PDB file of N, CA and C in Angstrom:
ATOM      1  N   UNK A   1     163.034 147.397  58.022  1.00  0.00           N
ATOM      2  CA  UNK A   1     163.602 146.120  58.109  1.00  0.00           C
ATOM      3  C   UNK A   1     162.797 145.152  57.258  1.00  0.00           C
ATOM      4  N   UNK A   2     163.516 143.725  56.821  1.00  0.00           N
ATOM      5  CA  UNK A   2     162.634 143.097  56.022  1.00  0.00           C
ATOM      6  C   UNK A   2     162.631 141.909  56.767  1.00  0.00           C
ATOM      7  N   UNK A   3     161.438 141.049  56.755  1.00  0.00           N
ATOM      8  CA  UNK A   3     161.111 139.807  57.679  1.00  0.00           C
ATOM      9  C   UNK A   3     160.143 138.921  56.562  1.00  0.00           C
ATOM     10  N   UNK A   4     160.819 137.682  56.632  1.00  0.00           N
ATOM     11  CA  UNK A   4     160.058 136.743  55.797  1.00  0.00           C
ATOM     12  C   UNK A   4     158.641 136.325  56.560  1.00  0.00           C
ATOM     13  N   UNK A   5     157.505 136.214  56.112  1.00  0.00           N
ATOM     14  CA  UNK A   5     156.684 135.771  56.771  1.00  0.00           C
ATOM     15  C   UNK A   5     155.895 134.555  55.991  1.00  0.00           C
ATOM     16  N   UNK A   6     156.030 133.294  56.870  1.00  0.00           N
ATOM     17  CA  UNK A   6     155.204 131.810  56.104  1.00  0.00           C
ATOM     18  C   UNK A   6     153.919 131.985  56.659  1.00  0.00           C
ATOM     19  N   UNK A   7     152.961 131.555  55.778  1.00  0.00           N
ATOM     20  CA  UNK A   7     151.530 131.144  56.397  1.00  0.00           C
ATOM     21  C   UNK A   7     151.095 129.619  56.378  1.00  0.00           C
ATOM     22  N   UNK A   8     150.473 129.345  56.979  1.00  0.00           N
ATOM     23  CA  UNK A   8     149.916 127.736  57.303  1.00  0.00           C
ATOM     24  C   UNK A   8     148.598 127.712  57.313  1.00  0.00           C
ATOM     25  N   UNK A   9     148.227 126.553  57.007  1.00  0.00           N
ATOM     26  CA  UNK A   9     146.725 126.025  57.083  1.00  0.00           C
ATOM     27  C   UNK A   9     145.623 126.753  56.506  1.00  0.00           C
ATOM     28  N   UNK A  10     144.411 127.298  57.106  1.00  0.00           N
ATOM     29  CA  UNK A  10     143.553 128.172  56.780  1.00  0.00           C
ATOM     30  C   UNK A  10     143.902 129.539  56.291  1.00  0.00           C
ATOM     31  N   UNK A  11     145.114 129.821  56.995  1.00  0.00           N
ATOM     32  CA  UNK A  11     145.545 131.523  56.541  1.00  0.00           C
ATOM     33  C   UNK A  11     146.055 131.369  55.629  1.00  0.00           C
ATOM     34  N   UNK A  12     146.767 130.304  55.237  1.00  0.00           N
ATOM     35  CA  UNK A  12     147.541 130.242  53.856  1.00  0.00           C
ATOM     36  C   UNK A  12     146.479 130.306  52.686  1.00  0.00           C
ATOM     37  N   UNK A  13     145.435 129.556  52.866  1.00  0.00           N
ATOM     38  CA  UNK A  13     144.102 129.425  51.944  1.00  0.00           C
ATOM     39  C   UNK A  13     143.792 130.579  52.007  1.00  0.00           C
ATOM     40  N   UNK A  14     143.201 131.246  52.837  1.00  0.00           N
ATOM     41  CA  UNK A  14     142.403 133.036  53.021  1.00  0.00           C
ATOM     42  C   UNK A  14     143.205 133.869  52.310  1.00  0.00           C
ATOM     43  N   UNK A  15     144.656 133.560  52.377  1.00  0.00           N
ATOM     44  CA  UNK A  15     145.393 134.930  52.006  1.00  0.00           C
ATOM     45  C   UNK A  15     146.043 134.540  50.446  1.00  0.00           C
ATOM     46  N   UNK A  16     145.940 133.157  49.964  1.00  0.00           N
ATOM     47  CA  UNK A  16     146.559 132.884  48.920  1.00  0.00           C
ATOM     48  C   UNK A  16     148.018 132.859  48.681  1.00  0.00           C
ATOM     49  N   UNK A  17     148.494 132.611  49.643  1.00  0.00           N
ATOM     50  CA  UNK A  17     150.056 132.794  49.846  1.00  0.00           C
ATOM     51  C   UNK A  17     150.812 132.126  50.621  1.00  0.00           C
ATOM     52  N   UNK A  18     151.921 131.234  50.250  1.00  0.00           N
ATOM     53  CA  UNK A  18     152.607 130.437  51.004  1.00  0.00           C
ATOM     54  C   UNK A  18     153.663 131.335  52.020  1.00  0.00           C
ATOM     55  N   UNK A  19     154.196 132.190  51.076  1.00  0.00           N
ATOM     56  CA  UNK A  19     155.191 133.419  51.854  1.00  0.00           C
ATOM     57  C   UNK A  19     155.017 134.579  51.388  1.00  0.00           C
ATOM     58  N   UNK A  20     155.687 135.532  52.131  1.00  0.00           N
ATOM     59  CA  UNK A  20     155.941 136.864  51.615  1.00  0.00           C
ATOM     60  C   UNK A  20     156.854 137.795  52.201  1.00  0.00           C
ATOM     61  N   UNK A  21     157.582 138.571  51.949  1.00  0.00           N
ATOM     62  CA  UNK A  21     158.410 139.543  52.427  1.00  0.00           C
ATOM     63  C   UNK A  21     157.892 140.507  52.937  1.00  0.00           C
ATOM     64  N   UNK A  22     158.016 141.084  54.275  1.00  0.00           N
ATOM     65  CA  UNK A  22     157.480 141.861  54.716  1.00  0.00           C
ATOM     66  C   UNK A  22     158.320 143.099  55.117  1.00  0.00           C
ATOM     67  N   UNK A  23     158.089 144.207  54.805  1.00  0.00           N
ATOM     68  CA  UNK A  23     158.816 145.672  55.289  1.00  0.00           C
ATOM     69  C   UNK A  23     158.016 146.060  56.439  1.00  0.00           C
ATOM     70  N   UNK A  24     158.982 146.225  57.737  1.00  0.00           N
ATOM     71  CA  UNK A  24     158.520 146.507  59.135  1.00  0.00           C
ATOM     72  C   UNK A  24     159.184 147.538  59.443  1.00  0.00           C
ATOM     73  N   UNK A  25     158.613 148.443  60.456  1.00  0.00           N
ATOM     74  CA  UNK A  25     159.589 149.047  61.488  1.00  0.00           C
ATOM     75  C   UNK A  25     160.552 148.294  62.251  1.00  0.00           C
ATOM     76  N   UNK A  26     161.778 148.894  62.553  1.00  0.00           N
ATOM     77  CA  UNK A  26     162.517 148.312  63.528  1.00  0.00           C
ATOM     78  C   UNK A  26     162.046 148.052  64.876  1.00  0.00           C
ATOM     79  N   UNK A  27     161.982 147.230  65.448  1.00  0.00           N
ATOM     80  CA  UNK A  27     161.623 147.202  66.920  1.00  0.00           C
ATOM     81  C   UNK A  27     160.470 146.454  67.000  1.00  0.00           C
ATOM     82  N   UNK A  28     159.728 146.003  66.153  1.00  0.00           N
ATOM     83  CA  UNK A  28     158.391 145.417  65.694  1.00  0.00           C
ATOM     84  C   UNK A  28     158.357 144.082  66.538  1.00  0.00           C
ATOM     85  N   UNK A  29     156.742 143.884  67.175  1.00  0.00           N
ATOM     86  CA  UNK A  29     157.190 142.460  67.812  1.00  0.00           C
ATOM     87  C   UNK A  29     156.490 141.453  66.725  1.00  0.00           C
ATOM     88  N   UNK A  30     156.323 140.369  67.131  1.00  0.00           N
ATOM     89  CA  UNK A  30     156.094 139.247  66.326  1.00  0.00           C
ATOM     90  C   UNK A  30     154.530 139.404  66.281  1.00  0.00           C
ATOM     91  N   UNK A  31     153.796 139.656  67.497  1.00  0.00           N
ATOM     92  CA  UNK A  31     152.298 140.119  67.327  1.00  0.00           C
ATOM     93  C   UNK A  31     151.868 141.215  66.273  1.00  0.00           C
ATOM     94  N   UNK A  32     152.864 142.058  66.731  1.00  0.00           N
ATOM     95  CA  UNK A  32     152.542 143.433  65.741  1.00  0.00           C
ATOM     96  C   UNK A  32     152.466 142.893  64.200  1.00  0.00           C
ATOM     97  N   UNK A  33     153.593 142.123  63.848  1.00  0.00           N
ATOM     98  CA  UNK A  33     153.843 141.939  62.366  1.00  0.00           C
ATOM     99  C   UNK A  33     152.632 140.974  61.881  1.00  0.00           C
ATOM    100  N   UNK A  34     152.087 139.903  62.802  1.00  0.00           N
ATOM    101  CA  UNK A  34     150.961 139.405  62.461  1.00  0.00           C
ATOM    102  C   UNK A  34     149.744 140.330  62.162  1.00  0.00           C
ATOM    103  N   UNK A  35     149.776 141.154  63.013  1.00  0.00           N
ATOM    104  CA  UNK A  35     148.395 142.157  62.989  1.00  0.00           C
ATOM    105  C   UNK A  35     148.824 142.726  61.471  1.00  0.00           C
ATOM    106  N   UNK A  36     149.968 143.153  61.206  1.00  0.00           N
ATOM    107  CA  UNK A  36     149.992 143.884  59.520  1.00  0.00           C
ATOM    108  C   UNK A  36     150.251 143.248  58.685  1.00  0.00           C
ATOM    109  N   UNK A  37     150.357 141.837  58.757  1.00  0.00           N
ATOM    110  CA  UNK A  37     150.189 140.779  57.859  1.00  0.00           C
ATOM    111  C   UNK A  37     148.719 140.306  57.346  1.00  0.00           C
ATOM    112  N   UNK A  38     148.010 140.315  58.392  1.00  0.00           N
ATOM    113  CA  UNK A  38     146.803 139.532  58.238  1.00  0.00           C
ATOM    114  C   UNK A  38     145.441 140.323  58.838  1.00  0.00           C
ATOM    115  N   UNK A  39     145.742 141.225  59.716  1.00  0.00           N
ATOM    116  CA  UNK A  39     144.832 141.977  60.310  1.00  0.00           C
ATOM    117  C   UNK A  39     143.656 142.606  59.574  1.00  0.00           C
ATOM    118  N   UNK A  40     143.866 142.400  58.301  1.00  0.00           N
ATOM    119  CA  UNK A  40     142.793 143.198  57.288  1.00  0.00           C
ATOM    120  C   UNK A  40     141.601 141.962  56.969  1.00  0.00           C
ATOM    121  N   UNK A  41     141.878 140.956  57.611  1.00  0.00           N
ATOM    122  CA  UNK A  41     141.099 139.681  57.673  1.00  0.00           C
ATOM    123  C   UNK A  41     140.032 139.854  58.696  1.00  0.00           C
ATOM    124  N   UNK A  42     140.193 140.364  59.514  1.00  0.00           N
ATOM    125  CA  UNK A  42     139.430 140.434  60.746  1.00  0.00           C
ATOM    126  C   UNK A  42     140.218 140.211  62.100  1.00  0.00           C
ATOM    127  N   UNK A  43     139.876 140.775  63.162  1.00  0.00           N
ATOM    128  CA  UNK A  43     140.648 140.736  64.780  1.00  0.00           C
ATOM    129  C   UNK A  43     140.910 139.305  64.997  1.00  0.00           C
ATOM    130  N   UNK A  44     139.831 138.577  64.304  1.00  0.00           N
ATOM    131  CA  UNK A  44     140.180 137.006  64.967  1.00  0.00           C
ATOM    132  C   UNK A  44     141.306 136.342  64.402  1.00  0.00           C
ATOM    133  N   UNK A  45     141.900 136.685  63.218  1.00  0.00           N
ATOM    134  CA  UNK A  45     143.059 136.329  62.634  1.00  0.00           C
ATOM    135  C   UNK A  45     144.485 136.462  63.493  1.00  0.00           C
ATOM    136  N   UNK A  46     144.847 137.541  63.787  1.00  0.00           N
ATOM    137  CA  UNK A  46     145.937 137.553  64.689  1.00  0.00           C
ATOM    138  C   UNK A  46     145.823 137.058  65.877  1.00  0.00           C
ATOM    139  N   UNK A  47     144.695 137.281  66.606  1.00  0.00           N
ATOM    140  CA  UNK A  47     144.287 136.757  68.008  1.00  0.00           C
ATOM    141  C   UNK A  47     144.759 135.343  68.256  1.00  0.00           C
ATOM    142  N   UNK A  48     144.182 134.509  67.027  1.00  0.00           N
ATOM    143  CA  UNK A  48     144.073 133.102  67.254  1.00  0.00           C
ATOM    144  C   UNK A  48     145.476 132.301  66.760  1.00  0.00           C
ATOM    145  N   UNK A  49     146.355 133.271  66.259  1.00  0.00           N
ATOM    146  CA  UNK A  49     147.620 132.588  65.674  1.00  0.00           C
ATOM    147  C   UNK A  49     148.619 131.986  66.652  1.00  0.00           C
ATOM    148  N   UNK A  50     149.513 131.079  66.325  1.00  0.00           N
ATOM    149  CA  UNK A  50     150.556 130.622  67.046  1.00  0.00           C
ATOM    150  C   UNK A  50     151.717 130.917  66.239  1.00  0.00           C
ATOM    151  N   UNK A  51     152.679 131.794  66.829  1.00  0.00           N
ATOM    152  CA  UNK A  51     153.723 132.366  66.284  1.00  0.00           C
ATOM    153  C   UNK A  51     154.935 131.850  66.294  1.00  0.00           C
ATOM    154  N   UNK A  52     156.008 131.633  65.535  1.00  0.00           N
ATOM    155  CA  UNK A  52     157.185 130.871  65.525  1.00  0.00           C
ATOM    156  C   UNK A  52     158.122 131.745  64.584  1.00  0.00           C
ATOM    157  N   UNK A  53     159.236 132.124  65.454  1.00  0.00           N
ATOM    158  CA  UNK A  53     160.447 132.896  64.749  1.00  0.00           C
ATOM    159  C   UNK A  53     161.599 132.071  64.643  1.00  0.00           C
ATOM    160  N   UNK A  54     162.153 131.794  63.335  1.00  0.00           N
ATOM    161  CA  UNK A  54     163.295 131.109  62.706  1.00  0.00           C
ATOM    162  C   UNK A  54     163.348 129.747  63.578  1.00  0.00           C
ATOM    163  N   UNK A  55     162.021 129.139  63.227  1.00  0.00           N
ATOM    164  CA  UNK A  55     161.477 127.837  63.640  1.00  0.00           C
ATOM    165  C   UNK A  55     161.428 127.369  65.070  1.00  0.00           C
ATOM    166  N   UNK A  56     161.132 128.268  66.020  1.00  0.00           N
ATOM    167  CA  UNK A  56     160.810 128.343  67.317  1.00  0.00           C
ATOM    168  C   UNK A  56     159.783 128.801  67.558  1.00  0.00           C
ATOM    169  N   UNK A  57     158.847 128.425  68.473  1.00  0.00           N
ATOM    170  CA  UNK A  57     157.516 128.990  68.814  1.00  0.00           C
ATOM    171  C   UNK A  57     158.081 130.190  69.938  1.00  0.00           C
ATOM    172  N   UNK A  58     157.598 131.513  69.578  1.00  0.00           N
ATOM    173  CA  UNK A  58     157.683 132.796  70.688  1.00  0.00           C
ATOM    174  C   UNK A  58     156.542 133.364  71.196  1.00  0.00           C
ATOM    175  N   UNK A  59     156.701 133.877  72.308  1.00  0.00           N
ATOM    176  CA  UNK A  59     155.309 134.750  72.459  1.00  0.00           C
ATOM    177  C   UNK A  59     155.471 135.872  71.656  1.00  0.00           C
ATOM    178  N   UNK A  60     154.154 136.604  71.568  1.00  0.00           N
ATOM    179  CA  UNK A  60     153.799 137.521  70.932  1.00  0.00           C
ATOM    180  C   UNK A  60     154.765 138.628  70.902  1.00  0.00           C
ATOM    181  N   UNK A  61     155.259 139.042  71.963  1.00  0.00           N
ATOM    182  CA  UNK A  61     156.017 140.012  72.505  1.00  0.00           C
ATOM    183  C   UNK A  61     157.541 140.273  71.797  1.00  0.00           C
ATOM    184  N   UNK A  62     157.740 138.902  71.459  1.00  0.00           N
ATOM    185  CA  UNK A  62     159.395 138.964  71.039  1.00  0.00           C
ATOM    186  C   UNK A  62     159.219 139.899  69.797  1.00  0.00           C
ATOM    187  N   UNK A  63     160.473 140.392  70.062  1.00  0.00           N
ATOM    188  CA  UNK A  63     161.165 141.521  69.116  1.00  0.00           C
ATOM    189  C   UNK A  63     161.840 140.687  67.917  1.00  0.00           C
ATOM    190  N   UNK A  64     161.091 141.314  66.598  1.00  0.00           N
ATOM    191  CA  UNK A  64     161.762 140.766  65.381  1.00  0.00           C
ATOM    192  C   UNK A  64     163.098 141.656  65.042  1.00  0.00           C
ATOM    193  N   UNK A  65     163.936 140.795  64.219  1.00  0.00           N
ATOM    194  CA  UNK A  65     165.229 141.056  63.638  1.00  0.00           C
ATOM    195  C   UNK A  65     165.197 141.024  62.237  1.00  0.00           C
ATOM    196  N   UNK A  66     165.932 142.001  61.527  1.00  0.00           N
ATOM    197  CA  UNK A  66     166.364 141.784  59.791  1.00  0.00           C
ATOM    198  C   UNK A  66     166.631 140.612  59.700  1.00  0.00           C
ATOM    199  N   UNK A  67     165.686 139.962  58.648  1.00  0.00           N
ATOM    200  CA  UNK A  67     165.927 138.638  58.041  1.00  0.00           C
ATOM    201  C   UNK A  67     165.479 137.541  58.599  1.00  0.00           C
ATOM    202  N   UNK A  68     164.591 137.782  60.072  1.00  0.00           N
ATOM    203  CA  UNK A  68     163.555 136.646  60.319  1.00  0.00           C
ATOM    204  C   UNK A  68     162.941 136.041  59.670  1.00  0.00           C
ATOM    205  N   UNK A  69     162.687 134.912  60.155  1.00  0.00           N
ATOM    206  CA  UNK A  69     161.426 134.161  59.393  1.00  0.00           C
ATOM    207  C   UNK A  69     160.315 134.008  60.496  1.00  0.00           C
ATOM    208  N   UNK A  70     159.132 134.657  60.195  1.00  0.00           N
ATOM    209  CA  UNK A  70     158.286 134.576  61.005  1.00  0.00           C
ATOM    210  C   UNK A  70     157.106 133.479  60.685  1.00  0.00           C
ATOM    211  N   UNK A  71     156.464 132.573  61.224  1.00  0.00           N
ATOM    212  CA  UNK A  71     155.581 131.787  60.767  1.00  0.00           C
ATOM    213  C   UNK A  71     154.330 132.017  61.553  1.00  0.00           C
ATOM    214  N   UNK A  72     153.435 132.115  60.867  1.00  0.00           N
ATOM    215  CA  UNK A  72     152.102 132.176  61.382  1.00  0.00           C
ATOM    216  C   UNK A  72     151.158 131.319  61.188  1.00  0.00           C
ATOM    217  N   UNK A  73     150.768 130.605  62.357  1.00  0.00           N
ATOM    218  CA  UNK A  73     150.328 129.238  62.439  1.00  0.00           C
ATOM    219  C   UNK A  73     148.756 129.065  63.065  1.00  0.00           C
ATOM    220  N   UNK A  74     147.836 129.239  62.541  1.00  0.00           N
ATOM    221  CA  UNK A  74     146.495 129.044  62.612  1.00  0.00           C
ATOM    222  C   UNK A  74     146.164 127.883  63.612  1.00  0.00           C
ATOM    223  N   UNK A  75     145.148 127.837  64.357  1.00  0.00           N
ATOM    224  CA  UNK A  75     144.593 126.698  64.819  1.00  0.00           C
ATOM    225  C   UNK A  75     144.190 125.658  64.002  1.00  0.00           C
ATOM    226  N   UNK A  76     144.401 124.245  64.519  1.00  0.00           N
ATOM    227  CA  UNK A  76     144.129 123.168  63.393  1.00  0.00           C
ATOM    228  C   UNK A  76     142.920 122.458  64.359  1.00  0.00           C
ATOM    229  N   UNK A  77     141.891 122.165  63.762  1.00  0.00           N
ATOM    230  CA  UNK A  77     141.112 121.462  64.083  1.00  0.00           C
ATOM    231  C   UNK A  77     141.262 119.881  63.295  1.00  0.00           C
ATOM    232  N   UNK A  78     140.317 119.037  64.115  1.00  0.00           N
ATOM    233  CA  UNK A  78     140.901 117.409  63.719  1.00  0.00           C
ATOM    234  C   UNK A  78     139.741 116.908  62.626  1.00  0.00           C
ATOM    235  N   UNK A  79     140.048 115.732  62.322  1.00  0.00           N
ATOM    236  CA  UNK A  79     139.144 115.193  61.460  1.00  0.00           C
ATOM    237  C   UNK A  79     139.863 113.624  61.207  1.00  0.00           C
ATOM    238  N   UNK A  80     139.138 112.949  60.442  1.00  0.00           N
ATOM    239  CA  UNK A  80     139.781 111.503  60.586  1.00  0.00           C
ATOM    240  C   UNK A  80     140.784 111.286  59.803  1.00  0.00           C
ATOM    241  N   UNK A  81     141.436 110.134  60.030  1.00  0.00           N
ATOM    242  CA  UNK A  81     142.651 109.991  59.156  1.00  0.00           C
ATOM    243  C   UNK A  81     141.969 109.060  57.841  1.00  0.00           C
TER     244      UNK A  81
END
């Protein structure tokens, strides 16, 4: 199945991508998709991410469906405005 992955913050900078189409096995969870998308960066990346499917935050065990949009959001650190 195909899922559109969107990357934000430091993850976007690290991957050098805004979005990409992932081809995944049917029945894969959001957490498993995150591991497939950025696990090669090291175990800290998938573990630290907040996940959203179709613009709603979801737990990692949420099963993805064909055509879903998975957003991978890393933690944000503060700074001054």
